[in-house]
C-alpha atoms as a PDB file:
ATOM      1  CA  UNK A   1      -7.158  37.828  -6.192  1.00  0.00           C
ATOM      2  CA  UNK A   2      -5.547  37.468  -9.548  1.00  0.00           C
ATOM      3  CA  UNK A   3      -6.270  34.297 -11.505  1.00  0.00           C
ATOM      4  CA  UNK A   4      -3.536  32.288 -13.161  1.00  0.00           C
ATOM      5  CA  UNK A   5      -3.445  30.406 -16.438  1.00  0.00           C
ATOM      6  CA  UNK A   6      -4.348  27.141 -14.690  1.00  0.00           C
ATOM      7  CA  UNK A   7      -7.440  28.810 -13.183  1.00  0.00           C
ATOM      8  CA  UNK A   8      -8.521  30.073 -16.601  1.00  0.00           C
ATOM      9  CA  UNK A   9      -7.973  26.575 -18.046  1.00  0.00           C
ATOM     10  CA  UNK A  10     -10.166  25.043 -15.320  1.00  0.00           C
ATOM     11  CA  UNK A  11     -12.938  27.558 -16.015  1.00  0.00           C
ATOM     12  CA  UNK A  12     -12.638  26.862 -19.749  1.00  0.00           C
ATOM     13  CA  UNK A  13     -12.984  23.121 -19.071  1.00  0.00           C
ATOM     14  CA  UNK A  14     -16.132  23.745 -17.012  1.00  0.00           C
ATOM     15  CA  UNK A  15     -17.621  25.722 -19.893  1.00  0.00           C
ATOM     16  CA  UNK A  16     -16.537  23.125 -22.455  1.00  0.00           C
ATOM     17  CA  UNK A  17     -18.199  20.338 -20.434  1.00  0.00           C
ATOM     18  CA  UNK A  18     -21.391  22.412 -20.148  1.00  0.00           C
ATOM     19  CA  UNK A  19     -21.388  23.000 -23.917  1.00  0.00           C
ATOM     20  CA  UNK A  20     -20.811  19.301 -24.671  1.00  0.00           C
ATOM     21  CA  UNK A  21     -23.646  18.353 -22.307  1.00  0.00           C
ATOM     22  CA  UNK A  22     -25.963  20.860 -24.028  1.00  0.00           C
ATOM     23  CA  UNK A  23     -26.280  23.349 -21.168  1.00  0.00           C
ATOM     24  CA  UNK A  24     -24.768  26.176 -23.242  1.00  0.00           C
ATOM     25  CA  UNK A  25     -25.477  27.141 -26.828  1.00  0.00           C
ATOM     26  CA  UNK A  26     -22.570  27.558 -29.180  1.00  0.00           C
ATOM     27  CA  UNK A  27     -22.819  31.363 -29.151  1.00  0.00           C
ATOM     28  CA  UNK A  28     -22.938  31.422 -25.296  1.00  0.00           C
ATOM     29  CA  UNK A  29     -19.958  29.100 -25.173  1.00  0.00           C
ATOM     30  CA  UNK A  30     -17.889  31.176 -27.620  1.00  0.00           C
ATOM     31  CA  UNK A  31     -18.747  34.408 -25.798  1.00  0.00           C
ATOM     32  CA  UNK A  32     -17.844  33.036 -22.386  1.00  0.00           C
ATOM     33  CA  UNK A  33     -14.638  31.324 -23.560  1.00  0.00           C
ATOM     34  CA  UNK A  34     -13.421  34.609 -24.995  1.00  0.00           C
ATOM     35  CA  UNK A  35     -14.148  36.352 -21.708  1.00  0.00           C
ATOM     36  CA  UNK A  36     -12.519  33.538 -19.665  1.00  0.00           C
ATOM     37  CA  UNK A  37      -9.157  34.073 -21.332  1.00  0.00           C
ATOM     38  CA  UNK A  38      -9.457  37.856 -20.796  1.00  0.00           C
ATOM     39  CA  UNK A  39     -10.388  37.475 -17.105  1.00  0.00           C
ATOM     40  CA  UNK A  40      -7.830  38.649 -14.594  1.00  0.00           C
ATOM     41  CA  UNK A  41      -9.446  37.734 -11.253  1.00  0.00           C
ATOM     42  CA  UNK A  42     -11.157  34.785  -9.650  1.00  0.00           C
ATOM     43  CA  UNK A  43     -14.328  36.866  -9.344  1.00  0.00           C
ATOM     44  CA  UNK A  44     -14.503  37.372 -13.107  1.00  0.00           C
ATOM     45  CA  UNK A  45     -14.069  33.620 -13.646  1.00  0.00           C
ATOM     46  CA  UNK A  46     -16.722  32.843 -11.044  1.00  0.00           C
ATOM     47  CA  UNK A  47     -19.224  35.135 -12.771  1.00  0.00           C
ATOM     48  CA  UNK A  48     -18.674  33.303 -16.073  1.00  0.00           C
ATOM     49  CA  UNK A  49     -19.146  29.822 -14.558  1.00  0.00           C
ATOM     50  CA  UNK A  50     -21.559  30.524 -11.662  1.00  0.00           C
ATOM     51  CA  UNK A  51     -24.693  29.253 -13.439  1.00  0.00           C
ATOM     52  CA  UNK A  52     -22.963  26.118 -14.742  1.00  0.00           C
ATOM     53  CA  UNK A  53     -23.075  23.177 -12.312  1.00  0.00           C
ATOM     54  CA  UNK A  54     -19.636  21.750 -11.702  1.00  0.00           C
ATOM     55  CA  UNK A  55     -19.214  17.997 -11.642  1.00  0.00           C
ATOM     56  CA  UNK A  56     -19.043  16.528  -8.168  1.00  0.00           C
ATOM     57  CA  UNK A  57     -15.771  14.687  -7.706  1.00  0.00           C
ATOM     58  CA  UNK A  58     -16.367  11.038  -7.040  1.00  0.00           C
ATOM     59  CA  UNK A  59     -14.923   9.682  -3.850  1.00  0.00           C
ATOM     60  CA  UNK A  60     -14.169   6.007  -3.852  1.00  0.00           C
ATOM     61  CA  UNK A  61     -13.416   4.067  -0.734  1.00  0.00           C
ATOM     62  CA  UNK A  62     -10.098   2.252  -0.850  1.00  0.00           C
ATOM     63  CA  UNK A  63     -10.561  -1.397  -1.669  1.00  0.00           C
ATOM     64  CA  UNK A  64      -9.612  -3.822   1.043  1.00  0.00           C
ATOM     65  CA  UNK A  65      -7.746  -6.866  -0.154  1.00  0.00           C
ATOM     66  CA  UNK A  66      -9.640 -10.126   0.274  1.00  0.00           C
ATOM     67  CA  UNK A  67      -8.957 -11.697   3.635  1.00  0.00           C
ATOM     68  CA  UNK A  68      -6.951 -14.879   3.997  1.00  0.00           C
ATOM     69  CA  UNK A  69      -8.966 -17.999   4.710  1.00  0.00           C
ATOM     70  CA  UNK A  70      -8.431 -19.114   8.302  1.00  0.00           C
ATOM     71  CA  UNK A  71      -8.696 -22.819   7.401  1.00  0.00           C
ATOM     72  CA  UNK A  72      -5.817 -22.336   4.955  1.00  0.00           C
ATOM     73  CA  UNK A  73      -3.655 -20.813   7.697  1.00  0.00           C
ATOM     74  CA  UNK A  74      -4.582 -23.658  10.044  1.00  0.00           C
ATOM     75  CA  UNK A  75      -3.865 -26.260   7.344  1.00  0.00           C
ATOM     76  CA  UNK A  76      -0.386 -24.887   6.720  1.00  0.00           C
ATOM     77  CA  UNK A  77       0.305 -24.644  10.458  1.00  0.00           C
ATOM     78  CA  UNK A  78      -0.778 -28.250  11.017  1.00  0.00           C
ATOM     79  CA  UNK A  79       1.257 -29.368   7.996  1.00  0.00           C
ATOM     80  CA  UNK A  80       4.391 -27.759   9.407  1.00  0.00           C
ATOM     81  CA  UNK A  81       3.688 -29.148  12.881  1.00  0.00           C
ATOM     82  CA  UNK A  82       3.074 -32.542  11.304  1.00  0.00           C
ATOM     83  CA  UNK A  83       6.621 -32.649   9.958  1.00  0.00           C
ATOM     84  CA  UNK A  84       7.859 -32.344  13.533  1.00  0.00           C
ATOM     85  CA  UNK A  85       5.220 -34.272  15.499  1.00  0.00           C
ATOM     86  CA  UNK A  86       3.508 -36.477  12.919  1.00  0.00           C
ATOM     87  CA  UNK A  87      -0.077 -36.511  14.151  1.00  0.00           C
ATOM     88  CA  UNK A  88      -1.125 -32.958  13.086  1.00  0.00           C
ATOM     89  CA  UNK A  89      -0.685 -34.091   9.471  1.00  0.00           C
ATOM     90  CA  UNK A  90      -4.198 -35.547   9.439  1.00  0.00           C
ATOM     91  CA  UNK A  91      -5.924 -32.269  10.409  1.00  0.00           C
ATOM     92  CA  UNK A  92      -3.710 -30.517   7.836  1.00  0.00           C
ATOM     93  CA  UNK A  93      -5.288 -32.624   5.077  1.00  0.00           C
ATOM     94  CA  UNK A  94      -8.832 -32.105   6.357  1.00  0.00           C
ATOM     95  CA  UNK A  95      -8.394 -28.351   6.856  1.00  0.00           C
ATOM     96  CA  UNK A  96      -6.683 -28.005   3.470  1.00  0.00           C
ATOM     97  CA  UNK A  97      -9.662 -29.503   1.652  1.00  0.00           C
ATOM     98  CA  UNK A  98     -12.124 -27.385   3.656  1.00  0.00           C
ATOM     99  CA  UNK A  99     -10.078 -24.257   2.915  1.00  0.00           C
ATOM    100  CA  UNK A 100      -9.924 -24.876  -0.831  1.00  0.00           C
ATOM    101  CA  UNK A 101     -13.690 -25.438  -0.963  1.00  0.00           C
ATOM    102  CA  UNK A 102     -14.354 -22.195   0.930  1.00  0.00           C
ATOM    103  CA  UNK A 103     -11.829 -20.237  -1.150  1.00  0.00           C
ATOM    104  CA  UNK A 104     -13.540 -21.291  -4.391  1.00  0.00           C
ATOM    105  CA  UNK A 105     -16.903 -20.219  -2.954  1.00  0.00           C
ATOM    106  CA  UNK A 106     -15.908 -16.925  -1.261  1.00  0.00           C
ATOM    107  CA  UNK A 107     -12.918 -15.682  -3.291  1.00  0.00           C
ATOM    108  CA  UNK A 108     -10.700 -15.350  -0.226  1.00  0.00           C
ATOM    109  CA  UNK A 109      -6.942 -15.579  -0.422  1.00  0.00           C
ATOM    110  CA  UNK A 110      -4.860 -18.462   0.879  1.00  0.00           C
ATOM    111  CA  UNK A 111      -5.148 -21.146  -1.791  1.00  0.00           C
ATOM    112  CA  UNK A 112      -1.363 -21.570  -1.852  1.00  0.00           C
ATOM    113  CA  UNK A 113      -1.255 -22.050   1.906  1.00  0.00           C
ATOM    114  CA  UNK A 114      -4.044 -24.621   1.697  1.00  0.00           C
ATOM    115  CA  UNK A 115      -2.196 -26.543  -1.034  1.00  0.00           C
ATOM    116  CA  UNK A 116       1.047 -26.424   0.962  1.00  0.00           C
ATOM    117  CA  UNK A 117      -0.783 -27.740   4.021  1.00  0.00           C
ATOM    118  CA  UNK A 118      -2.298 -30.519   1.907  1.00  0.00           C
ATOM    119  CA  UNK A 119       1.054 -31.521   0.421  1.00  0.00           C
ATOM    120  CA  UNK A 120       2.793 -31.569   3.804  1.00  0.00           C
ATOM    121  CA  UNK A 121      -0.139 -33.419   5.363  1.00  0.00           C
ATOM    122  CA  UNK A 122      -0.218 -36.102   2.681  1.00  0.00           C
ATOM    123  CA  UNK A 123       3.577 -36.584   2.698  1.00  0.00           C
ATOM    124  CA  UNK A 124       3.747 -36.899   6.483  1.00  0.00           C
ATOM    125  CA  UNK A 125       0.657 -39.150   6.562  1.00  0.00           C
ATOM    126  CA  UNK A 126       2.195 -41.409   3.923  1.00  0.00           C
ATOM    127  CA  UNK A 127       5.472 -41.520   5.854  1.00  0.00           C
ATOM    128  CA  UNK A 128       3.568 -42.398   9.038  1.00  0.00           C
ATOM    129  CA  UNK A 129       1.639 -45.141   7.218  1.00  0.00           C
ATOM    130  CA  UNK A 130       4.859 -46.636   5.811  1.00  0.00           C
ATOM    131  CA  UNK A 131       6.522 -46.432   9.234  1.00  0.00           C
ATOM    132  CA  UNK A 132       3.525 -48.115  10.869  1.00  0.00           C
ATOM    133  CA  UNK A 133       3.543 -50.852   8.224  1.00  0.00           C
ATOM    134  CA  UNK A 134       7.267 -51.489   8.789  1.00  0.00           C
ATOM    135  CA  UNK A 135       6.740 -51.670  12.576  1.00  0.00           C
ATOM    136  CA  UNK A 136       3.806 -54.086  12.217  1.00  0.00           C
ATOM    137  CA  UNK A 137       5.824 -56.222   9.797  1.00  0.00           C
ATOM    138  CA  UNK A 138       8.773 -56.265  12.192  1.00  0.00           C
ATOM    139  CA  UNK A 139       6.532 -57.303  15.102  1.00  0.00           C
ATOM    140  CA  UNK A 140       4.955 -60.079  13.006  1.00  0.00           C
ATOM    141  CA  UNK A 141       8.392 -61.364  11.957  1.00  0.00           C
ATOM    142  CA  UNK A 142       9.709 -61.314  15.530  1.00  0.00           C
ATOM    143  CA  UNK A 143       6.585 -63.028  16.840  1.00  0.00           C
ATOM    144  CA  UNK A 144       6.730 -65.767  14.212  1.00  0.00           C
ATOM    145  CA  UNK A 145      10.332 -66.474  15.130  1.00  0.00           C
ATOM    146  CA  UNK A 146      11.768 -65.408  11.920  1.00  0.00           C
END
């Protein structure tokens, strides 16, 4: 088969790399480069580069993104549920702190979810505490006749 310009360029690069790495002398390199650009077939190019090892292409596995911390997901879920039901706000705070500690140690994703769960948990917990204080105060005032 006839070789194209791109094929001759690839063969020239193989020879250039071999020369730079010291596997060909300058006279061998110049002789072969001249013959590479005169070559018309793949066979002629193969003869000129057959004794020169070609670099092995490196294959890299695709990187998986870090996984999301499950405590962070649970913290956010409890924080959202806490706004509707109240009581899950406490686990949201606990899980949020656990998640942030694990995320710092393992490098997982989910810090934003953990912070959101913490914020919701603290806000709802504070609202529950204020509500409970108002109810207790109202009961004390009613009981004292006031």
